[in-house]
Amino acid sequence: MATHPPGDLIHTARVRAGLTQRELARRSRTAQSVVARIERGQASPTWSTFNRLLHAAGFDLHAELEPHPVRGSHMLGDVSRILALSPEARLLELRNISRFLTDARRV
């Protein structure tokens, strides 16, 4: 999975849209200096600002979580811990996992 700093993605979107930093800032109701600092990697935008800048350049970002295997670990290693829980505690754990997955899908 490739990862790119937010500033690189903002810069690429802005250039592909044919916008200057000032034009992107105006469209996104952000200061030009903020756009410049983000593009240089001197500031890290919030998720909201990041999406607003991309949207102002005419792009949308789609992100998803991808589980990856952890070396030296296996999901079955957690079975004994789960089996030791009371039925109520298992239901609480299931609820927490469900909430996490629901929240992750919103991102």
PDB file of N, CA and C in Angstrom:
ATOM      1  N   MET A   1       0.848  -1.164   0.000  1.00  0.00           N
ATOM      2  CA  MET A   1       0.000   0.000   0.000  1.00  0.00           C
ATOM      3  C   MET A   1       0.902   1.239   0.000  1.00  0.00           C
ATOM      4  N   ALA A   2       0.674   2.135  -0.942  1.00  0.00           N
ATOM      5  CA  ALA A   2       1.466   3.354  -1.041  1.00  0.00           C
ATOM      6  C   ALA A   2       0.879   4.424  -0.126  1.00  0.00           C
ATOM      7  N   THR A   3       1.760   5.147   0.528  1.00  0.00           N
ATOM      8  CA  THR A   3       1.310   6.265   1.348  1.00  0.00           C
ATOM      9  C   THR A   3       1.984   7.527   0.845  1.00  0.00           C
ATOM     10  N   HIS A   4       1.272   8.618   0.893  1.00  0.00           N
ATOM     11  CA  HIS A   4       1.784   9.904   0.447  1.00  0.00           C
ATOM     12  C   HIS A   4       1.480  10.933   1.524  1.00  0.00           C
ATOM     13  N   PRO A   5       2.419  11.818   1.803  1.00  0.00           N
ATOM     14  CA  PRO A   5       2.133  12.881   2.763  1.00  0.00           C
ATOM     15  C   PRO A   5       0.965  13.731   2.274  1.00  0.00           C
ATOM     16  N   PRO A   6       0.157  14.252   3.201  1.00  0.00           N
ATOM     17  CA  PRO A   6      -0.994  15.066   2.804  1.00  0.00           C
ATOM     18  C   PRO A   6      -0.611  16.230   1.895  1.00  0.00           C
ATOM     19  N   GLY A   7       0.529  16.859   2.178  1.00  0.00           N
ATOM     20  CA  GLY A   7       0.959  17.994   1.366  1.00  0.00           C
ATOM     21  C   GLY A   7       1.203  17.620  -0.086  1.00  0.00           C
ATOM     22  N   ASP A   8       1.775  16.430  -0.303  1.00  0.00           N
ATOM     23  CA  ASP A   8       2.011  15.969  -1.674  1.00  0.00           C
ATOM     24  C   ASP A   8       0.690  15.759  -2.407  1.00  0.00           C
ATOM     25  N   LEU A   9      -0.290  15.187  -1.716  1.00  0.00           N
ATOM     26  CA  LEU A   9      -1.597  14.952  -2.351  1.00  0.00           C
ATOM     27  C   LEU A   9      -2.307  16.266  -2.660  1.00  0.00           C
ATOM     28  N   ILE A  10      -2.230  17.227  -1.739  1.00  0.00           N
ATOM     29  CA  ILE A  10      -2.843  18.532  -1.972  1.00  0.00           C
ATOM     30  C   ILE A  10      -2.169  19.216  -3.159  1.00  0.00           C
ATOM     31  N   HIS A  11      -0.845  19.185  -3.184  1.00  0.00           N
ATOM     32  CA  HIS A  11      -0.095  19.805  -4.281  1.00  0.00           C
ATOM     33  C   HIS A  11      -0.472  19.167  -5.620  1.00  0.00           C
ATOM     34  N   THR A  12      -0.492  17.840  -5.668  1.00  0.00           N
ATOM     35  CA  THR A  12      -0.835  17.133  -6.901  1.00  0.00           C
ATOM     36  C   THR A  12      -2.247  17.488  -7.365  1.00  0.00           C
ATOM     37  N   ALA A  13      -3.192  17.492  -6.438  1.00  0.00           N
ATOM     38  CA  ALA A  13      -4.580  17.831  -6.791  1.00  0.00           C
ATOM     39  C   ALA A  13      -4.670  19.261  -7.307  1.00  0.00           C
ATOM     40  N   ARG A  14      -3.984  20.165  -6.643  1.00  0.00           N
ATOM     41  CA  ARG A  14      -4.025  21.575  -7.042  1.00  0.00           C
ATOM     42  C   ARG A  14      -3.441  21.773  -8.435  1.00  0.00           C
ATOM     43  N   VAL A  15      -2.278  21.166  -8.694  1.00  0.00           N
ATOM     44  CA  VAL A  15      -1.625  21.299  -9.999  1.00  0.00           C
ATOM     45  C   VAL A  15      -2.482  20.661 -11.088  1.00  0.00           C
ATOM     46  N   ARG A  16      -3.017  19.478 -10.815  1.00  0.00           N
ATOM     47  CA  ARG A  16      -3.876  18.808 -11.809  1.00  0.00           C
ATOM     48  C   ARG A  16      -5.124  19.619 -12.109  1.00  0.00           C
ATOM     49  N   ALA A  17      -5.586  20.391 -11.128  1.00  0.00           N
ATOM     50  CA  ALA A  17      -6.762  21.235 -11.338  1.00  0.00           C
ATOM     51  C   ALA A  17      -6.389  22.563 -11.997  1.00  0.00           C
ATOM     52  N   GLY A  18      -5.092  22.820 -12.157  1.00  0.00           N
ATOM     53  CA  GLY A  18      -4.648  24.066 -12.776  1.00  0.00           C
ATOM     54  C   GLY A  18      -4.859  25.278 -11.886  1.00  0.00           C
ATOM     55  N   LEU A  19      -4.752  25.079 -10.574  1.00  0.00           N
ATOM     56  CA  LEU A  19      -4.991  26.166  -9.622  1.00  0.00           C
ATOM     57  C   LEU A  19      -3.690  26.638  -8.986  1.00  0.00           C
ATOM     58  N   THR A  20      -3.647  27.912  -8.655  1.00  0.00           N
ATOM     59  CA  THR A  20      -2.555  28.418  -7.835  1.00  0.00           C
ATOM     60  C   THR A  20      -2.912  28.153  -6.381  1.00  0.00           C
ATOM     61  N   GLN A  21      -1.939  28.324  -5.497  1.00  0.00           N
ATOM     62  CA  GLN A  21      -2.227  28.171  -4.073  1.00  0.00           C
ATOM     63  C   GLN A  21      -3.288  29.175  -3.643  1.00  0.00           C
ATOM     64  N   ARG A  22      -3.197  30.394  -4.153  1.00  0.00           N
ATOM     65  CA  ARG A  22      -4.158  31.434  -3.791  1.00  0.00           C
ATOM     66  C   ARG A  22      -5.570  31.059  -4.250  1.00  0.00           C
ATOM     67  N   GLU A  23      -5.709  30.502  -5.462  1.00  0.00           N
ATOM     68  CA  GLU A  23      -7.025  30.112  -5.961  1.00  0.00           C
ATOM     69  C   GLU A  23      -7.604  28.962  -5.135  1.00  0.00           C
ATOM     70  N   LEU A  24      -6.761  27.994  -4.802  1.00  0.00           N
ATOM     71  CA  LEU A  24      -7.233  26.880  -3.978  1.00  0.00           C
ATOM     72  C   LEU A  24      -7.651  27.388  -2.597  1.00  0.00           C
ATOM     73  N   ALA A  25      -6.865  28.281  -2.039  1.00  0.00           N
ATOM     74  CA  ALA A  25      -7.182  28.835  -0.721  1.00  0.00           C
ATOM     75  C   ALA A  25      -8.527  29.568  -0.764  1.00  0.00           C
ATOM     76  N   ARG A  26      -8.740  30.356  -1.797  1.00  0.00           N
ATOM     77  CA  ARG A  26      -9.999  31.101  -1.909  1.00  0.00           C
ATOM     78  C   ARG A  26     -11.179  30.143  -2.032  1.00  0.00           C
ATOM     79  N   ARG A  27     -11.036  29.120  -2.880  1.00  0.00           N
ATOM     80  CA  ARG A  27     -12.128  28.147  -3.068  1.00  0.00           C
ATOM     81  C   ARG A  27     -12.450  27.377  -1.792  1.00  0.00           C
ATOM     82  N   SER A  28     -11.433  27.132  -0.987  1.00  0.00           N
ATOM     83  CA  SER A  28     -11.626  26.331   0.228  1.00  0.00           C
ATOM     84  C   SER A  28     -11.799  27.191   1.482  1.00  0.00           C
ATOM     85  N   ARG A  29     -11.844  28.501   1.290  1.00  0.00           N
ATOM     86  CA  ARG A  29     -11.976  29.447   2.411  1.00  0.00           C
ATOM     87  C   ARG A  29     -10.868  29.231   3.445  1.00  0.00           C
ATOM     88  N   THR A  30      -9.642  29.143   2.932  1.00  0.00           N
ATOM     89  CA  THR A  30      -8.451  28.948   3.752  1.00  0.00           C
ATOM     90  C   THR A  30      -7.420  29.985   3.324  1.00  0.00           C
ATOM     91  N   ALA A  31      -6.525  30.325   4.199  1.00  0.00           N
ATOM     92  CA  ALA A  31      -5.466  31.267   3.845  1.00  0.00           C
ATOM     93  C   ALA A  31      -4.450  30.598   2.917  1.00  0.00           C
ATOM     94  N   GLN A  32      -3.914  31.366   1.989  1.00  0.00           N
ATOM     95  CA  GLN A  32      -2.900  30.849   1.064  1.00  0.00           C
ATOM     96  C   GLN A  32      -1.683  30.349   1.828  1.00  0.00           C
ATOM     97  N   SER A  33      -1.343  31.021   2.919  1.00  0.00           N
ATOM     98  CA  SER A  33      -0.182  30.603   3.712  1.00  0.00           C
ATOM     99  C   SER A  33      -0.394  29.210   4.315  1.00  0.00           C
ATOM    100  N   VAL A  34      -1.636  28.886   4.641  1.00  0.00           N
ATOM    101  CA  VAL A  34      -1.946  27.556   5.182  1.00  0.00           C
ATOM    102  C   VAL A  34      -1.723  26.500   4.097  1.00  0.00           C
ATOM    103  N   VAL A  35      -2.205  26.772   2.898  1.00  0.00           N
ATOM    104  CA  VAL A  35      -2.006  25.844   1.774  1.00  0.00           C
ATOM    105  C   VAL A  35      -0.513  25.639   1.542  1.00  0.00           C
ATOM    106  N   ALA A  36       0.245  26.720   1.541  1.00  0.00           N
ATOM    107  CA  ALA A  36       1.691  26.628   1.309  1.00  0.00           C
ATOM    108  C   ALA A  36       2.377  25.794   2.381  1.00  0.00           C
ATOM    109  N   ARG A  37       2.032  26.024   3.654  1.00  0.00           N
ATOM    110  CA  ARG A  37       2.656  25.260   4.748  1.00  0.00           C
ATOM    111  C   ARG A  37       2.306  23.776   4.660  1.00  0.00           C
ATOM    112  N   ILE A  38       1.061  23.472   4.283  1.00  0.00           N
ATOM    113  CA  ILE A  38       0.663  22.064   4.145  1.00  0.00           C
ATOM    114  C   ILE A  38       1.440  21.420   3.009  1.00  0.00           C
ATOM    115  N   GLU A  39       1.522  22.097   1.863  1.00  0.00           N
ATOM    116  CA  GLU A  39       2.232  21.536   0.718  1.00  0.00           C
ATOM    117  C   GLU A  39       3.714  21.322   1.009  1.00  0.00           C
ATOM    118  N   ARG A  40       4.315  22.188   1.818  1.00  0.00           N
ATOM    119  CA  ARG A  40       5.735  22.041   2.165  1.00  0.00           C
ATOM    120  C   ARG A  40       5.955  21.030   3.288  1.00  0.00           C
ATOM    121  N   GLY A  41       4.873  20.522   3.867  1.00  0.00           N
ATOM    122  CA  GLY A  41       5.004  19.567   4.958  1.00  0.00           C
ATOM    123  C   GLY A  41       5.293  20.228   6.287  1.00  0.00           C
ATOM    124  N   GLN A  42       5.103  21.535   6.373  1.00  0.00           N
ATOM    125  CA  GLN A  42       5.362  22.263   7.613  1.00  0.00           C
ATOM    126  C   GLN A  42       4.145  22.299   8.523  1.00  0.00           C
ATOM    127  N   ALA A  43       2.997  21.883   7.990  1.00  0.00           N
ATOM    128  CA  ALA A  43       1.765  21.816   8.782  1.00  0.00           C
ATOM    129  C   ALA A  43       1.015  20.559   8.368  1.00  0.00           C
ATOM    130  N   SER A  44       0.366  19.963   9.327  1.00  0.00           N
ATOM    131  CA  SER A  44      -0.423  18.767   9.061  1.00  0.00           C
ATOM    132  C   SER A  44      -1.902  19.133   9.185  1.00  0.00           C
ATOM    133  N   PRO A  45      -2.644  19.033   8.084  1.00  0.00           N
ATOM    134  CA  PRO A  45      -4.050  19.454   8.137  1.00  0.00           C
ATOM    135  C   PRO A  45      -4.909  18.464   8.906  1.00  0.00           C
ATOM    136  N   THR A  46      -6.000  18.964   9.463  1.00  0.00           N
ATOM    137  CA  THR A  46      -6.980  18.046  10.032  1.00  0.00           C
ATOM    138  C   THR A  46      -7.616  17.286   8.873  1.00  0.00           C
ATOM    139  N   TRP A  47      -8.293  16.206   9.194  1.00  0.00           N
ATOM    140  CA  TRP A  47      -8.962  15.425   8.156  1.00  0.00           C
ATOM    141  C   TRP A  47      -9.986  16.297   7.431  1.00  0.00           C
ATOM    142  N   SER A  48     -10.676  17.139   8.162  1.00  0.00           N
ATOM    143  CA  SER A  48     -11.691  18.023   7.586  1.00  0.00           C
ATOM    144  C   SER A  48     -11.056  19.015   6.604  1.00  0.00           C
ATOM    145  N   THR A  49      -9.969  19.645   7.008  1.00  0.00           N
ATOM    146  CA  THR A  49      -9.283  20.598   6.134  1.00  0.00           C
ATOM    147  C   THR A  49      -8.718  19.899   4.912  1.00  0.00           C
ATOM    148  N   PHE A  50      -8.130  18.734   5.117  1.00  0.00           N
ATOM    149  CA  PHE A  50      -7.564  17.946   4.024  1.00  0.00           C
ATOM    150  C   PHE A  50      -8.630  17.660   2.967  1.00  0.00           C
ATOM    151  N   ASN A  51      -9.776  17.166   3.410  1.00  0.00           N
ATOM    152  CA  ASN A  51     -10.859  16.864   2.472  1.00  0.00           C
ATOM    153  C   ASN A  51     -11.416  18.121   1.818  1.00  0.00           C
ATOM    154  N   ARG A  52     -11.512  19.216   2.577  1.00  0.00           N
ATOM    155  CA  ARG A  52     -12.023  20.471   2.022  1.00  0.00           C
ATOM    156  C   ARG A  52     -11.108  20.981   0.911  1.00  0.00           C
ATOM    157  N   LEU A  53      -9.788  20.904   1.108  1.00  0.00           N
ATOM    158  CA  LEU A  53      -8.842  21.336   0.082  1.00  0.00           C
ATOM    159  C   LEU A  53      -8.931  20.457  -1.160  1.00  0.00           C
ATOM    160  N   LEU A  54      -8.990  19.144  -0.958  1.00  0.00           N
ATOM    161  CA  LEU A  54      -9.112  18.242  -2.107  1.00  0.00           C
ATOM    162  C   LEU A  54     -10.403  18.502  -2.865  1.00  0.00           C
ATOM    163  N   HIS A  55     -11.488  18.671  -2.141  1.00  0.00           N
ATOM    164  CA  HIS A  55     -12.789  18.921  -2.772  1.00  0.00           C
ATOM    165  C   HIS A  55     -12.764  20.241  -3.554  1.00  0.00           C
ATOM    166  N   ALA A  56     -12.118  21.260  -2.987  1.00  0.00           N
ATOM    167  CA  ALA A  56     -12.033  22.557  -3.664  1.00  0.00           C
ATOM    168  C   ALA A  56     -11.231  22.452  -4.959  1.00  0.00           C
ATOM    169  N   ALA A  57     -10.325  21.475  -5.029  1.00  0.00           N
ATOM    170  CA  ALA A  57      -9.546  21.248  -6.249  1.00  0.00           C
ATOM    171  C   ALA A  57     -10.272  20.312  -7.213  1.00  0.00           C
ATOM    172  N   GLY A  58     -11.444  19.825  -6.795  1.00  0.00           N
ATOM    173  CA  GLY A  58     -12.229  18.957  -7.675  1.00  0.00           C
ATOM    174  C   GLY A  58     -11.965  17.478  -7.504  1.00  0.00           C
ATOM    175  N   PHE A  59     -11.438  17.102  -6.350  1.00  0.00           N
ATOM    176  CA  PHE A  59     -11.125  15.699  -6.097  1.00  0.00           C
ATOM    177  C   PHE A  59     -11.777  15.221  -4.806  1.00  0.00           C
ATOM    178  N   ASP A  60     -12.014  13.928  -4.736  1.00  0.00           N
ATOM    179  CA  ASP A  60     -12.478  13.269  -3.525  1.00  0.00           C
ATOM    180  C   ASP A  60     -11.464  12.197  -3.169  1.00  0.00           C
ATOM    181  N   LEU A  61     -11.317  11.949  -1.900  1.00  0.00           N
ATOM    182  CA  LEU A  61     -10.401  10.920  -1.424  1.00  0.00           C
ATOM    183  C   LEU A  61     -11.216   9.780  -0.847  1.00  0.00           C
ATOM    184  N   HIS A  62     -10.871   8.574  -1.220  1.00  0.00           N
ATOM    185  CA  HIS A  62     -11.531   7.384  -0.680  1.00  0.00           C
ATOM    186  C   HIS A  62     -10.467   6.583   0.070  1.00  0.00           C
ATOM    187  N   ALA A  63     -10.711   6.359   1.350  1.00  0.00           N
ATOM    188  CA  ALA A  63      -9.763   5.631   2.184  1.00  0.00           C
ATOM    189  C   ALA A  63     -10.459   4.430   2.802  1.00  0.00           C
ATOM    190  N   GLU A  64      -9.697   3.395   3.045  1.00  0.00           N
ATOM    191  CA  GLU A  64     -10.243   2.215   3.707  1.00  0.00           C
ATOM    192  C   GLU A  64      -9.163   1.587   4.570  1.00  0.00           C
ATOM    193  N   LEU A  65      -9.592   0.893   5.577  1.00  0.00           N
ATOM    194  CA  LEU A  65      -8.669   0.175   6.443  1.00  0.00           C
ATOM    195  C   LEU A  65      -8.399  -1.197   5.849  1.00  0.00           C
ATOM    196  N   GLU A  66      -7.142  -1.575   5.859  1.00  0.00           N
ATOM    197  CA  GLU A  66      -6.756  -2.896   5.384  1.00  0.00           C
ATOM    198  C   GLU A  66      -5.984  -3.587   6.501  1.00  0.00           C
ATOM    199  N   PRO A  67      -6.514  -4.689   7.014  1.00  0.00           N
ATOM    200  CA  PRO A  67      -5.763  -5.388   8.055  1.00  0.00           C
ATOM    201  C   PRO A  67      -4.493  -6.006   7.472  1.00  0.00           C
ATOM    202  N   HIS A  68      -3.468  -6.042   8.250  1.00  0.00           N
ATOM    203  CA  HIS A  68      -2.238  -6.687   7.813  1.00  0.00           C
ATOM    204  C   HIS A  68      -1.802  -7.658   8.895  1.00  0.00           C
ATOM    205  N   PRO A  69      -1.186  -8.744   8.488  1.00  0.00           N
ATOM    206  CA  PRO A  69      -0.758  -9.732   9.483  1.00  0.00           C
ATOM    207  C   PRO A  69       0.370  -9.171  10.336  1.00  0.00           C
ATOM    208  N   VAL A  70       0.344  -9.518  11.603  1.00  0.00           N
ATOM    209  CA  VAL A  70       1.396  -9.112  12.522  1.00  0.00           C
ATOM    210  C   VAL A  70       2.334 -10.300  12.678  1.00  0.00           C
ATOM    211  N   ARG A  71       3.603 -10.056  12.464  1.00  0.00           N
ATOM    212  CA  ARG A  71       4.575 -11.156  12.550  1.00  0.00           C
ATOM    213  C   ARG A  71       4.610 -11.739  13.958  1.00  0.00           C
ATOM    214  N   GLY A  72       4.641 -13.039  14.011  1.00  0.00           N
ATOM    215  CA  GLY A  72       4.728 -13.703  15.298  1.00  0.00           C
ATOM    216  C   GLY A  72       3.423 -13.693  16.073  1.00  0.00           C
ATOM    217  N   SER A  73       2.339 -13.319  15.417  1.00  0.00           N
ATOM    218  CA  SER A  73       1.054 -13.258  16.095  1.00  0.00           C
ATOM    219  C   SER A  73       0.009 -13.902  15.194  1.00  0.00           C
ATOM    220  N   HIS A  74      -1.021 -14.371  15.815  1.00  0.00           N
ATOM    221  CA  HIS A  74      -2.113 -14.958  15.062  1.00  0.00           C
ATOM    222  C   HIS A  74      -3.397 -14.728  15.835  1.00  0.00           C
ATOM    223  N   MET A  75      -4.477 -14.528  15.121  1.00  0.00           N
ATOM    224  CA  MET A  75      -5.746 -14.267  15.784  1.00  0.00           C
ATOM    225  C   MET A  75      -6.128 -15.392  16.742  1.00  0.00           C
ATOM    226  N   LEU A  76      -5.738 -16.622  16.432  1.00  0.00           N
ATOM    227  CA  LEU A  76      -6.100 -17.742  17.298  1.00  0.00           C
ATOM    228  C   LEU A  76      -5.429 -17.632  18.665  1.00  0.00           C
ATOM    229  N   GLY A  77      -4.368 -16.853  18.755  1.00  0.00           N
ATOM    230  CA  GLY A  77      -3.712 -16.651  20.030  1.00  0.00           C
ATOM    231  C   GLY A  77      -4.593 -15.917  21.029  1.00  0.00           C
ATOM    232  N   ASP A  78      -5.631 -15.253  20.553  1.00  0.00           N
ATOM    233  CA  ASP A  78      -6.539 -14.488  21.405  1.00  0.00           C
ATOM    234  C   ASP A  78      -7.740 -15.325  21.864  1.00  0.00           C
ATOM    235  N   VAL A  79      -7.870 -16.542  21.337  1.00  0.00           N
ATOM    236  CA  VAL A  79      -9.036 -17.376  21.645  1.00  0.00           C
ATOM    237  C   VAL A  79      -9.133 -17.678  23.133  1.00  0.00           C
ATOM    238  N   SER A  80      -8.031 -18.034  23.765  1.00  0.00           N
ATOM    239  CA  SER A  80      -8.094 -18.398  25.185  1.00  0.00           C
ATOM    240  C   SER A  80      -8.540 -17.209  26.034  1.00  0.00           C
ATOM    241  N   ARG A  81      -8.095 -16.014  25.689  1.00  0.00           N
ATOM    242  CA  ARG A  81      -8.518 -14.825  26.423  1.00  0.00           C
ATOM    243  C   ARG A  81     -10.014 -14.597  26.253  1.00  0.00           C
ATOM    244  N   ILE A  82     -10.499 -14.738  25.030  1.00  0.00           N
ATOM    245  CA  ILE A  82     -11.927 -14.521  24.761  1.00  0.00           C
ATOM    246  C   ILE A  82     -12.777 -15.576  25.465  1.00  0.00           C
ATOM    247  N   LEU A  83     -12.327 -16.824  25.444  1.00  0.00           N
ATOM    248  CA  LEU A  83     -13.083 -17.892  26.095  1.00  0.00           C
ATOM    249  C   LEU A  83     -13.131 -17.710  27.614  1.00  0.00           C
ATOM    250  N   ALA A  84     -12.139 -17.045  28.172  1.00  0.00           N
ATOM    251  CA  ALA A  84     -12.115 -16.820  29.614  1.00  0.00           C
ATOM    252  C   ALA A  84     -13.087 -15.713  30.040  1.00  0.00           C
ATOM    253  N   LEU A  85     -13.593 -14.947  29.086  1.00  0.00           N
ATOM    254  CA  LEU A  85     -14.540 -13.865  29.399  1.00  0.00           C
ATOM    255  C   LEU A  85     -15.917 -14.429  29.714  1.00  0.00           C
ATOM    256  N   SER A  86     -16.645 -13.693  30.500  1.00  0.00           N
ATOM    257  CA  SER A  86     -18.045 -14.071  30.752  1.00  0.00           C
ATOM    258  C   SER A  86     -18.835 -13.799  29.478  1.00  0.00           C
ATOM    259  N   PRO A  87     -20.013 -14.423  29.339  1.00  0.00           N
ATOM    260  CA  PRO A  87     -20.837 -14.144  28.157  1.00  0.00           C
ATOM    261  C   PRO A  87     -21.133 -12.646  27.990  1.00  0.00           C
ATOM    262  N   GLU A  88     -21.370 -11.953  29.097  1.00  0.00           N
ATOM    263  CA  GLU A  88     -21.638 -10.513  29.018  1.00  0.00           C
ATOM    264  C   GLU A  88     -20.414  -9.749  28.508  1.00  0.00           C
ATOM    265  N   ALA A  89     -19.227 -10.135  28.985  1.00  0.00           N
ATOM    266  CA  ALA A  89     -17.996  -9.468  28.548  1.00  0.00           C
ATOM    267  C   ALA A  89     -17.728  -9.746  27.068  1.00  0.00           C
ATOM    268  N   ARG A  90     -18.062 -10.952  26.607  1.00  0.00           N
ATOM    269  CA  ARG A  90     -17.908 -11.258  25.172  1.00  0.00           C
ATOM    270  C   ARG A  90     -18.820 -10.376  24.333  1.00  0.00           C
ATOM    271  N   LEU A  91     -20.053 -10.190  24.807  1.00  0.00           N
ATOM    272  CA  LEU A  91     -20.984  -9.320  24.082  1.00  0.00           C
ATOM    273  C   LEU A  91     -20.487  -7.875  24.060  1.00  0.00           C
ATOM    274  N   LEU A  92     -19.916  -7.409  25.169  1.00  0.00           N
ATOM    275  CA  LEU A  92     -19.354  -6.054  25.200  1.00  0.00           C
ATOM    276  C   LEU A  92     -18.190  -5.919  24.216  1.00  0.00           C
ATOM    277  N   GLU A  93     -17.349  -6.941  24.152  1.00  0.00           N
ATOM    278  CA  GLU A  93     -16.222  -6.910  23.213  1.00  0.00           C
ATOM    279  C   GLU A  93     -16.732  -6.888  21.772  1.00  0.00           C
ATOM    280  N   LEU A  94     -17.741  -7.687  21.492  1.00  0.00           N
ATOM    281  CA  LEU A  94     -18.334  -7.701  20.156  1.00  0.00           C
ATOM    282  C   LEU A  94     -18.939  -6.339  19.817  1.00  0.00           C
ATOM    283  N   ARG A  95     -19.618  -5.723  20.784  1.00  0.00           N
ATOM    284  CA  ARG A  95     -20.196  -4.390  20.574  1.00  0.00           C
ATOM    285  C   ARG A  95     -19.106  -3.365  20.270  1.00  0.00           C
ATOM    286  N   ASN A  96     -18.008  -3.425  21.020  1.00  0.00           N
ATOM    287  CA  ASN A  96     -16.906  -2.481  20.796  1.00  0.00           C
ATOM    288  C   ASN A  96     -16.287  -2.661  19.415  1.00  0.00           C
ATOM    289  N   ILE A  97     -16.119  -3.887  18.993  1.00  0.00           N
ATOM    290  CA  ILE A  97     -15.570  -4.154  17.662  1.00  0.00           C
ATOM    291  C   ILE A  97     -16.530  -3.639  16.594  1.00  0.00           C
ATOM    292  N   SER A  98     -17.807  -3.872  16.791  1.00  0.00           N
ATOM    293  CA  SER A  98     -18.813  -3.407  15.840  1.00  0.00           C
ATOM    294  C   SER A  98     -18.788  -1.881  15.731  1.00  0.00           C
ATOM    295  N   ARG A  99     -18.693  -1.197  16.866  1.00  0.00           N
ATOM    296  CA  ARG A  99     -18.627   0.275  16.854  1.00  0.00           C
ATOM    297  C   ARG A  99     -17.373   0.756  16.133  1.00  0.00           C
ATOM    298  N   PHE A 100     -16.244   0.084  16.402  1.00  0.00           N
ATOM    299  CA  PHE A 100     -15.001   0.465  15.737  1.00  0.00           C
ATOM    300  C   PHE A 100     -15.136   0.331  14.219  1.00  0.00           C
ATOM    301  N   LEU A 101     -15.678  -0.800  13.757  1.00  0.00           N
ATOM    302  CA  LEU A 101     -15.825  -1.012  12.322  1.00  0.00           C
ATOM    303  C   LEU A 101     -16.795  -0.001  11.701  1.00  0.00           C
ATOM    304  N   THR A 102     -17.862   0.317  12.414  1.00  0.00           N
ATOM    305  CA  THR A 102     -18.821   1.310  11.914  1.00  0.00           C
ATOM    306  C   THR A 102     -18.155   2.670  11.792  1.00  0.00           C
ATOM    307  N   ASP A 103     -17.396   3.073  12.814  1.00  0.00           N
ATOM    308  CA  ASP A 103     -16.704   4.361  12.776  1.00  0.00           C
ATOM    309  C   ASP A 103     -15.633   4.384  11.682  1.00  0.00           C
ATOM    310  N   ALA A 104     -14.945   3.259  11.503  1.00  0.00           N
ATOM    311  CA  ALA A 104     -13.886   3.190  10.481  1.00  0.00           C
ATOM    312  C   ALA A 104     -14.474   3.332   9.085  1.00  0.00           C
ATOM    313  N   ARG A 105     -15.670   2.831   8.866  1.00  0.00           N
ATOM    314  CA  ARG A 105     -16.302   2.947   7.548  1.00  0.00           C
ATOM    315  C   ARG A 105     -16.687   4.385   7.226  1.00  0.00           C
ATOM    316  N   ARG A 106     -16.905   5.203   8.259  1.00  0.00           N
ATOM    317  CA  ARG A 106     -17.278   6.610   8.059  1.00  0.00           C
ATOM    318  C   ARG A 106     -16.124   7.458   7.571  1.00  0.00           C
ATOM    319  N   VAL A 107     -14.915   7.000   7.870  1.00  0.00           N
ATOM    320  CA  VAL A 107     -13.715   7.771   7.506  1.00  0.00           C
ATOM    321  C   VAL A 107     -13.499   7.663   6.066  1.00  0.00           C
TER     322      VAL A 107
END
